[in-house]
């Protein structure tokens, strides 16, 4: 559970950093459209809220947090594939994104995580 929370938080922080970078470039750089670049950066920053909130919920063992974290991992897989397919410097980055997503999925789908979050089939004796 802790590993899933930490990895989800790292993903959220990386997404937030990319959004902030895009926002700063939109303001101080020379984009084709400043408005579009700023809006893109703000959108990515807003998207970072999902994995960050999920990481907080996982750390506190809230059952609602599993879904947003699973969604984040499922969305990361095609991104990782696209990055790895681009080759060059993107290959190791894509492999790293994919590895983090797979490890986090395994952690989230493990029976011990489901039990800690109180999700899954209930066991009656």
Protein backbone atom coordinates (compact mmCIF):
# COMPACT_ATOMS: atom_id res chain seq x y z
CA UNK A 1 0.00 0.00 0.00
CA UNK A 2 2.82 2.36 0.87
CA UNK A 3 4.59 1.63 -2.42
CA UNK A 4 1.43 2.36 -4.40
CA UNK A 5 0.94 5.65 -2.52
CA UNK A 6 4.55 6.74 -3.06
CA UNK A 7 4.61 5.81 -6.75
CA UNK A 8 1.27 7.52 -7.39
CA UNK A 9 2.54 10.63 -5.59
CA UNK A 10 5.72 10.63 -7.69
CA UNK A 11 3.62 10.44 -10.85
CA UNK A 12 1.48 13.33 -9.67
CA UNK A 13 4.55 15.43 -8.86
CA UNK A 14 6.10 14.72 -12.25
CA UNK A 15 2.86 15.69 -14.00
CA UNK A 16 2.68 18.89 -11.91
CA UNK A 17 6.30 19.73 -12.76
CA UNK A 18 5.61 19.25 -16.47
CA UNK A 19 2.54 21.46 -16.22
CA UNK A 20 4.49 24.16 -14.39
CA UNK A 21 7.25 23.95 -16.99
CA UNK A 22 4.76 24.32 -19.82
CA UNK A 23 3.08 27.22 -18.03
CA UNK A 24 6.37 29.05 -17.50
CA UNK A 25 7.38 28.50 -21.13
CA UNK A 26 4.00 29.84 -22.19
CA UNK A 27 4.55 33.01 -20.19
CA UNK A 28 8.25 33.74 -20.71
CA UNK A 29 8.92 31.84 -23.93
CA UNK A 30 7.85 32.63 -27.46
CA UNK A 31 5.06 30.14 -28.19
CA UNK A 32 2.90 30.37 -31.29
CA UNK A 33 -0.03 31.12 -29.00
CA UNK A 34 0.65 32.34 -25.47
CA UNK A 35 -2.97 31.78 -24.48
CA UNK A 36 -2.93 28.20 -25.72
CA UNK A 37 0.41 27.45 -24.01
CA UNK A 38 -0.74 28.93 -20.69
CA UNK A 39 -4.05 27.06 -20.88
CA UNK A 40 -2.19 23.83 -21.69
CA UNK A 41 0.08 24.29 -18.67
CA UNK A 42 -2.87 25.01 -16.40
CA UNK A 43 -4.70 21.95 -17.74
CA UNK A 44 -1.75 19.68 -17.02
CA UNK A 45 -1.45 21.17 -13.52
CA UNK A 46 -5.13 20.43 -12.95
CA UNK A 47 -4.66 16.86 -14.19
CA UNK A 48 -1.88 16.39 -11.62
CA UNK A 49 -4.50 16.76 -8.89
CA UNK A 50 -5.94 13.29 -9.63
CA UNK A 51 -2.87 11.18 -8.80
CA UNK A 52 -1.89 13.51 -5.94
CA UNK A 53 -5.31 13.19 -4.33
CA UNK A 54 -5.26 9.43 -4.93
CA UNK A 55 -1.82 9.14 -3.31
CA UNK A 56 -3.07 11.01 -0.26
CA UNK A 57 -6.08 8.72 -0.06
CA UNK A 58 -3.95 5.59 -0.46
CA UNK A 59 -1.65 6.75 2.32
CA UNK A 60 -4.69 7.17 4.57
CA UNK A 61 -6.17 3.87 3.30
CA UNK A 62 -9.34 5.39 1.86
CA UNK A 63 -11.24 3.03 -0.42
CA UNK A 64 -12.14 5.79 -2.92
CA UNK A 65 -8.46 6.35 -3.75
CA UNK A 66 -7.93 3.05 -5.52
CA UNK A 67 -10.01 4.01 -8.58
CA UNK A 68 -8.23 7.28 -9.41
CA UNK A 69 -4.85 5.61 -8.95
CA UNK A 70 -5.85 2.70 -11.21
CA UNK A 71 -7.04 5.18 -13.84
CA UNK A 72 -3.72 7.01 -13.66
CA UNK A 73 -1.79 3.77 -14.19
CA UNK A 74 -3.99 2.63 -17.07
CA UNK A 75 -3.54 6.01 -18.78
CA UNK A 76 0.23 5.87 -18.20
CA UNK A 77 0.63 2.60 -20.14
CA UNK A 78 -0.13 3.96 -23.65
CA UNK A 79 1.94 7.07 -22.83
CA UNK A 80 4.85 4.79 -21.88
CA UNK A 81 4.40 2.79 -25.08
CA UNK A 82 4.39 5.93 -27.23
CA UNK A 83 7.49 7.25 -25.47
CA UNK A 84 9.35 3.96 -25.84
CA UNK A 85 8.31 3.68 -29.50
CA UNK A 86 9.83 7.09 -30.23
CA UNK A 87 13.27 5.67 -29.50
CA UNK A 88 16.36 7.63 -28.61
CA UNK A 89 16.32 9.28 -25.21
CA UNK A 90 12.58 8.63 -24.96
CA UNK A 91 13.10 4.85 -24.88
CA UNK A 92 14.46 4.65 -21.30
CA UNK A 93 11.95 7.27 -20.13
CA UNK A 94 9.10 5.29 -21.64
CA UNK A 95 10.36 2.10 -20.06
CA UNK A 96 10.57 3.85 -16.69
CA UNK A 97 7.02 5.22 -16.98
CA UNK A 98 5.76 1.78 -17.98
CA UNK A 99 7.61 0.05 -15.15
CA UNK A 100 6.23 2.45 -12.55
CA UNK A 101 2.70 1.97 -13.91
CA UNK A 102 2.96 -1.84 -13.89
CA UNK A 103 4.47 -1.98 -10.39
CA UNK A 104 1.79 0.36 -9.08
CA UNK A 105 -0.95 -1.70 -10.73
CA UNK A 106 0.42 -4.86 -9.12
CA UNK A 107 0.47 -3.13 -5.73
CA UNK A 108 -3.07 -1.78 -6.14
CA UNK A 109 -4.50 -5.09 -7.32
CA UNK A 110 -2.87 -7.23 -4.67
CA UNK A 111 -5.20 -8.94 -2.20
CA UNK A 112 -3.51 -7.23 0.74
CA UNK A 113 -4.18 -3.79 -0.76
CA UNK A 114 -7.79 -4.68 -1.46
CA UNK A 115 -8.17 -5.85 2.11
CA UNK A 116 -6.49 -2.73 3.53
CA UNK A 117 -8.81 -0.53 1.50
CA UNK A 118 -11.88 -2.62 2.24
CA UNK A 119 -12.64 -3.27 -1.43
CA UNK A 120 -13.29 -6.49 -3.29
CA UNK A 121 -15.39 -9.48 -2.37
CA UNK A 122 -16.24 -9.73 1.29
CA UNK A 123 -15.37 -12.90 3.11
CA UNK A 124 -18.01 -14.41 5.29
CA UNK A 125 -17.42 -17.46 7.41
